[in-house]
N, C-alpha and C. Protein backbone atom coordinates (compact mmCIF):
# COMPACT_ATOMS: atom_id res chain seq x y z
N UNK A 1 0.85 -1.18 0.00
CA UNK A 1 0.00 0.00 0.00
C UNK A 1 0.89 1.23 0.00
N UNK A 2 0.66 2.14 -0.89
CA UNK A 2 1.40 3.39 -0.93
C UNK A 2 0.51 4.50 -0.35
N UNK A 3 1.13 5.44 0.31
CA UNK A 3 0.42 6.59 0.85
C UNK A 3 0.93 7.84 0.15
N UNK A 4 0.04 8.55 -0.48
CA UNK A 4 0.42 9.82 -1.09
C UNK A 4 0.41 10.86 0.01
N UNK A 5 1.60 11.37 0.32
CA UNK A 5 1.77 12.26 1.46
C UNK A 5 2.78 13.34 1.10
N UNK A 6 2.50 14.57 1.47
CA UNK A 6 3.50 15.63 1.37
C UNK A 6 4.42 15.46 2.57
N UNK A 7 5.60 14.95 2.34
CA UNK A 7 6.50 14.60 3.43
C UNK A 7 7.07 15.80 4.16
N UNK A 8 6.83 17.00 3.66
CA UNK A 8 7.27 18.20 4.38
C UNK A 8 6.23 18.65 5.40
N UNK A 9 5.09 17.98 5.44
CA UNK A 9 4.02 18.33 6.37
C UNK A 9 3.91 17.24 7.45
N UNK A 10 4.31 17.60 8.66
CA UNK A 10 4.36 16.65 9.77
C UNK A 10 2.98 16.04 10.03
N UNK A 11 1.93 16.82 9.91
CA UNK A 11 0.57 16.31 10.15
C UNK A 11 0.21 15.21 9.14
N UNK A 12 0.68 15.34 7.91
CA UNK A 12 0.39 14.31 6.90
C UNK A 12 1.17 13.03 7.19
N UNK A 13 2.39 13.16 7.71
CA UNK A 13 3.15 11.97 8.09
C UNK A 13 2.47 11.25 9.25
N UNK A 14 1.95 12.00 10.20
CA UNK A 14 1.21 11.39 11.31
C UNK A 14 -0.05 10.70 10.80
N UNK A 15 -0.75 11.35 9.88
CA UNK A 15 -1.97 10.76 9.31
C UNK A 15 -1.63 9.45 8.57
N UNK A 16 -0.49 9.42 7.90
CA UNK A 16 -0.05 8.20 7.22
C UNK A 16 0.14 7.06 8.22
N UNK A 17 0.85 7.35 9.31
CA UNK A 17 1.08 6.31 10.32
C UNK A 17 -0.23 5.88 10.97
N UNK A 18 -1.08 6.84 11.30
CA UNK A 18 -2.38 6.52 11.91
C UNK A 18 -3.23 5.66 10.98
N UNK A 19 -3.23 5.99 9.69
CA UNK A 19 -4.03 5.22 8.73
C UNK A 19 -3.50 3.80 8.59
N UNK A 20 -2.19 3.65 8.53
CA UNK A 20 -1.60 2.31 8.42
C UNK A 20 -1.94 1.46 9.65
N UNK A 21 -1.82 2.06 10.83
CA UNK A 21 -2.15 1.33 12.06
C UNK A 21 -3.61 0.94 12.09
N UNK A 22 -4.48 1.85 11.70
CA UNK A 22 -5.92 1.55 11.67
C UNK A 22 -6.24 0.46 10.65
N UNK A 23 -5.60 0.53 9.50
CA UNK A 23 -5.86 -0.41 8.40
C UNK A 23 -5.40 -1.82 8.73
N UNK A 24 -4.20 -1.95 9.32
CA UNK A 24 -3.62 -3.28 9.53
C UNK A 24 -3.42 -3.66 10.99
N UNK A 25 -3.61 -2.73 11.91
CA UNK A 25 -3.45 -3.06 13.32
C UNK A 25 -2.01 -3.10 13.79
N UNK A 26 -1.07 -2.85 12.91
CA UNK A 26 0.35 -2.83 13.25
C UNK A 26 1.14 -2.21 12.10
N UNK A 27 2.37 -1.84 12.37
CA UNK A 27 3.26 -1.36 11.32
C UNK A 27 4.57 -2.12 11.48
N UNK A 28 4.90 -2.91 10.47
CA UNK A 28 6.12 -3.72 10.52
C UNK A 28 7.29 -3.06 9.80
N UNK A 29 6.99 -2.27 8.76
CA UNK A 29 8.06 -1.66 7.97
C UNK A 29 7.70 -0.22 7.62
N UNK A 30 8.64 0.67 7.82
CA UNK A 30 8.56 2.02 7.28
C UNK A 30 9.68 2.12 6.25
N UNK A 31 9.33 2.33 5.01
CA UNK A 31 10.31 2.45 3.93
C UNK A 31 10.27 3.89 3.42
N UNK A 32 11.24 4.68 3.80
CA UNK A 32 11.33 6.06 3.34
C UNK A 32 11.99 6.07 1.97
N UNK A 33 11.17 6.28 0.96
CA UNK A 33 11.63 6.29 -0.43
C UNK A 33 11.28 7.65 -1.02
N UNK A 34 11.93 8.67 -0.52
CA UNK A 34 11.62 10.03 -0.92
C UNK A 34 12.92 10.80 -1.02
N UNK A 35 12.95 11.75 -1.91
CA UNK A 35 14.15 12.58 -1.99
C UNK A 35 14.10 13.54 -3.14
N UNK A 36 14.90 14.56 -3.00
CA UNK A 36 15.03 15.56 -4.04
C UNK A 36 16.49 15.96 -4.06
N UNK A 37 16.97 16.29 -5.23
CA UNK A 37 18.36 16.71 -5.33
C UNK A 37 18.49 18.19 -5.01
N UNK A 38 19.71 18.67 -4.95
CA UNK A 38 19.96 20.06 -4.61
C UNK A 38 19.15 20.97 -5.51
N UNK A 39 18.49 21.92 -4.92
CA UNK A 39 17.66 22.91 -5.62
C UNK A 39 16.42 22.26 -6.25
N UNK A 40 16.16 21.01 -5.96
CA UNK A 40 14.97 20.35 -6.50
C UNK A 40 15.05 20.14 -8.00
N UNK A 41 16.20 20.24 -8.58
CA UNK A 41 16.37 20.03 -9.99
C UNK A 41 17.83 20.03 -10.34
N UNK A 42 18.64 19.90 -9.34
CA UNK A 42 20.08 19.87 -9.40
C UNK A 42 20.69 21.22 -9.69
N UNK A 43 21.70 21.49 -8.98
CA UNK A 43 22.47 22.72 -9.16
C UNK A 43 23.85 22.47 -8.58
N UNK A 44 24.80 23.15 -9.08
CA UNK A 44 26.14 23.09 -8.51
C UNK A 44 26.12 23.83 -7.19
N UNK A 45 27.04 23.53 -6.32
CA UNK A 45 27.09 24.12 -4.99
C UNK A 45 27.02 25.64 -5.02
N UNK A 46 27.71 26.26 -5.93
CA UNK A 46 27.74 27.73 -5.98
C UNK A 46 26.47 28.33 -6.55
N UNK A 47 25.59 27.50 -7.09
CA UNK A 47 24.38 28.00 -7.75
C UNK A 47 23.12 27.93 -6.92
N UNK A 48 23.09 27.16 -5.83
CA UNK A 48 21.82 27.01 -5.12
C UNK A 48 21.68 28.01 -3.98
N UNK A 49 20.42 28.20 -3.62
CA UNK A 49 20.06 29.23 -2.64
C UNK A 49 19.78 28.61 -1.27
N UNK A 50 19.67 29.47 -0.27
CA UNK A 50 19.31 29.02 1.07
C UNK A 50 17.94 28.35 1.07
N UNK A 51 16.99 28.92 0.34
CA UNK A 51 15.63 28.35 0.27
C UNK A 51 15.67 26.96 -0.36
N UNK A 52 16.48 26.79 -1.40
CA UNK A 52 16.59 25.48 -2.05
C UNK A 52 17.19 24.46 -1.09
N UNK A 53 18.20 24.87 -0.34
CA UNK A 53 18.80 23.96 0.63
C UNK A 53 17.81 23.58 1.72
N UNK A 54 17.04 24.54 2.22
CA UNK A 54 16.04 24.25 3.25
C UNK A 54 14.99 23.26 2.74
N UNK A 55 14.57 23.42 1.48
CA UNK A 55 13.60 22.49 0.88
C UNK A 55 14.22 21.09 0.76
N UNK A 56 15.46 21.04 0.34
CA UNK A 56 16.16 19.76 0.19
C UNK A 56 16.27 19.05 1.55
N UNK A 57 16.63 19.78 2.60
CA UNK A 57 16.75 19.20 3.94
C UNK A 57 15.38 18.75 4.45
N UNK A 58 14.35 19.55 4.20
CA UNK A 58 13.00 19.18 4.65
C UNK A 58 12.54 17.88 4.01
N UNK A 59 12.83 17.72 2.74
CA UNK A 59 12.38 16.52 2.03
C UNK A 59 13.28 15.33 2.34
N UNK A 60 14.57 15.51 2.29
CA UNK A 60 15.49 14.38 2.39
C UNK A 60 15.80 13.94 3.83
N UNK A 61 15.79 14.86 4.77
CA UNK A 61 16.17 14.52 6.13
C UNK A 61 14.99 14.59 7.10
N UNK A 62 14.37 15.75 7.18
CA UNK A 62 13.30 15.93 8.16
C UNK A 62 12.15 14.95 7.93
N UNK A 63 11.85 14.65 6.67
CA UNK A 63 10.73 13.74 6.41
C UNK A 63 10.99 12.36 7.00
N UNK A 64 12.22 11.87 6.90
CA UNK A 64 12.55 10.56 7.47
C UNK A 64 12.46 10.58 8.99
N UNK A 65 12.95 11.66 9.57
CA UNK A 65 12.92 11.78 11.03
C UNK A 65 11.49 11.83 11.55
N UNK A 66 10.65 12.65 10.92
CA UNK A 66 9.28 12.79 11.43
C UNK A 66 8.40 11.59 11.08
N UNK A 67 8.66 10.92 9.98
CA UNK A 67 7.93 9.68 9.71
C UNK A 67 8.28 8.64 10.78
N UNK A 68 9.56 8.54 11.10
CA UNK A 68 9.99 7.60 12.13
C UNK A 68 9.41 7.97 13.50
N UNK A 69 9.33 9.27 13.78
CA UNK A 69 8.78 9.73 15.06
C UNK A 69 7.38 9.17 15.29
N UNK A 70 6.60 9.07 14.25
CA UNK A 70 5.22 8.60 14.40
C UNK A 70 5.09 7.09 14.32
N UNK A 71 6.10 6.42 13.81
CA UNK A 71 6.04 4.97 13.66
C UNK A 71 6.76 4.25 14.80
N UNK A 72 7.83 4.83 15.31
CA UNK A 72 8.61 4.16 16.35
C UNK A 72 7.79 3.80 17.59
N UNK A 73 6.91 4.66 18.10
CA UNK A 73 6.12 4.23 19.27
C UNK A 73 5.27 2.98 18.98
N UNK A 74 4.77 2.89 17.78
CA UNK A 74 3.96 1.72 17.39
C UNK A 74 4.85 0.48 17.36
N UNK A 75 6.03 0.61 16.75
CA UNK A 75 6.96 -0.53 16.66
C UNK A 75 7.47 -0.94 18.03
N UNK A 76 7.69 0.03 18.89
CA UNK A 76 8.13 -0.31 20.25
C UNK A 76 7.04 -1.07 20.99
N UNK A 77 5.81 -0.66 20.84
CA UNK A 77 4.70 -1.37 21.49
C UNK A 77 4.58 -2.80 20.97
N UNK A 78 4.86 -2.99 19.70
CA UNK A 78 4.82 -4.33 19.09
C UNK A 78 6.06 -5.15 19.42
N UNK A 79 7.11 -4.45 19.85
CA UNK A 79 8.43 -5.04 20.07
C UNK A 79 9.05 -5.58 18.79
N UNK A 80 8.70 -4.93 17.67
CA UNK A 80 9.30 -5.32 16.39
C UNK A 80 9.01 -4.26 15.34
N UNK A 81 9.81 -4.30 14.29
CA UNK A 81 9.63 -3.38 13.18
C UNK A 81 10.97 -3.01 12.57
N UNK A 82 10.92 -2.51 11.35
CA UNK A 82 12.13 -2.11 10.65
C UNK A 82 11.88 -0.80 9.91
N UNK A 83 12.90 0.04 9.91
CA UNK A 83 12.83 1.31 9.18
C UNK A 83 13.95 1.29 8.15
N UNK A 84 13.59 1.54 6.91
CA UNK A 84 14.55 1.53 5.81
C UNK A 84 14.56 2.90 5.16
N UNK A 85 15.73 3.52 5.11
CA UNK A 85 15.91 4.80 4.44
C UNK A 85 16.82 4.56 3.24
N UNK A 86 16.36 4.97 2.06
CA UNK A 86 17.19 4.77 0.88
C UNK A 86 17.52 6.13 0.26
N UNK A 87 18.49 6.11 -0.61
CA UNK A 87 18.89 7.31 -1.32
C UNK A 87 19.20 6.94 -2.76
N UNK A 88 19.46 7.94 -3.54
CA UNK A 88 19.82 7.72 -4.94
C UNK A 88 21.22 8.25 -5.17
N UNK A 89 21.67 8.22 -6.38
CA UNK A 89 22.97 8.78 -6.72
C UNK A 89 23.01 10.29 -6.46
N UNK A 90 21.85 10.92 -6.35
CA UNK A 90 21.80 12.36 -6.07
C UNK A 90 22.47 12.69 -4.75
N UNK A 91 22.65 11.71 -3.90
CA UNK A 91 23.32 11.95 -2.62
C UNK A 91 24.81 12.23 -2.79
N UNK A 92 25.38 11.78 -3.91
CA UNK A 92 26.82 11.95 -4.08
C UNK A 92 27.23 12.71 -5.34
N UNK A 93 26.28 13.02 -6.21
CA UNK A 93 26.62 13.69 -7.45
C UNK A 93 25.44 14.46 -8.00
N UNK A 94 25.67 15.28 -8.98
CA UNK A 94 24.59 15.97 -9.68
C UNK A 94 24.33 15.24 -10.99
N UNK A 95 23.18 15.47 -11.56
CA UNK A 95 22.81 14.86 -12.82
C UNK A 95 22.89 15.89 -13.92
N UNK A 96 23.11 15.41 -15.12
CA UNK A 96 23.13 16.29 -16.28
C UNK A 96 21.73 16.89 -16.47
N UNK A 97 21.63 18.21 -16.43
CA UNK A 97 20.32 18.85 -16.56
C UNK A 97 20.18 19.63 -17.85
N UNK A 98 21.28 19.84 -18.55
CA UNK A 98 21.20 20.53 -19.83
C UNK A 98 22.35 20.04 -20.70
N UNK A 99 22.25 20.21 -22.01
CA UNK A 99 23.31 19.72 -22.90
C UNK A 99 24.66 20.39 -22.65
N UNK A 100 24.66 21.56 -22.01
CA UNK A 100 25.93 22.26 -21.78
C UNK A 100 26.57 21.91 -20.46
N UNK A 101 25.85 21.27 -19.56
CA UNK A 101 26.39 20.92 -18.25
C UNK A 101 26.90 19.49 -18.26
N UNK A 102 28.08 19.28 -17.74
CA UNK A 102 28.65 17.95 -17.66
C UNK A 102 28.45 17.41 -16.26
N UNK A 103 28.13 16.14 -16.11
CA UNK A 103 27.99 15.57 -14.76
C UNK A 103 29.33 15.53 -14.07
N UNK A 104 29.31 15.51 -12.74
CA UNK A 104 30.54 15.37 -11.97
C UNK A 104 31.13 13.99 -12.23
N UNK A 105 32.41 13.94 -12.24
CA UNK A 105 33.11 12.66 -12.43
C UNK A 105 33.93 12.38 -11.17
N UNK A 106 33.97 11.15 -10.74
CA UNK A 106 34.73 10.76 -9.55
C UNK A 106 35.85 9.83 -9.95
């Protein structure tokens, strides 16, 4: 079951956890599969703004923390559960966004 949720809204993350608990009576897995790259469309370090960074942190970090905040008490009561946080290559590099920009090479 997938939940369409704006992960930057703490109330929606709580509603997701509440709905899952109501639907199945327990939560065994929280799989955080969400993320956005720098500036929400990739930018080099010198090109992005404070607002873009705040949005990136809200989506990539805060969403995982607040989703877990609402699921961990349920998992503790059950004495079981797993939380999986994944990332993409965007965590270590930028993607080609235009024909004139070259991707970073390592």
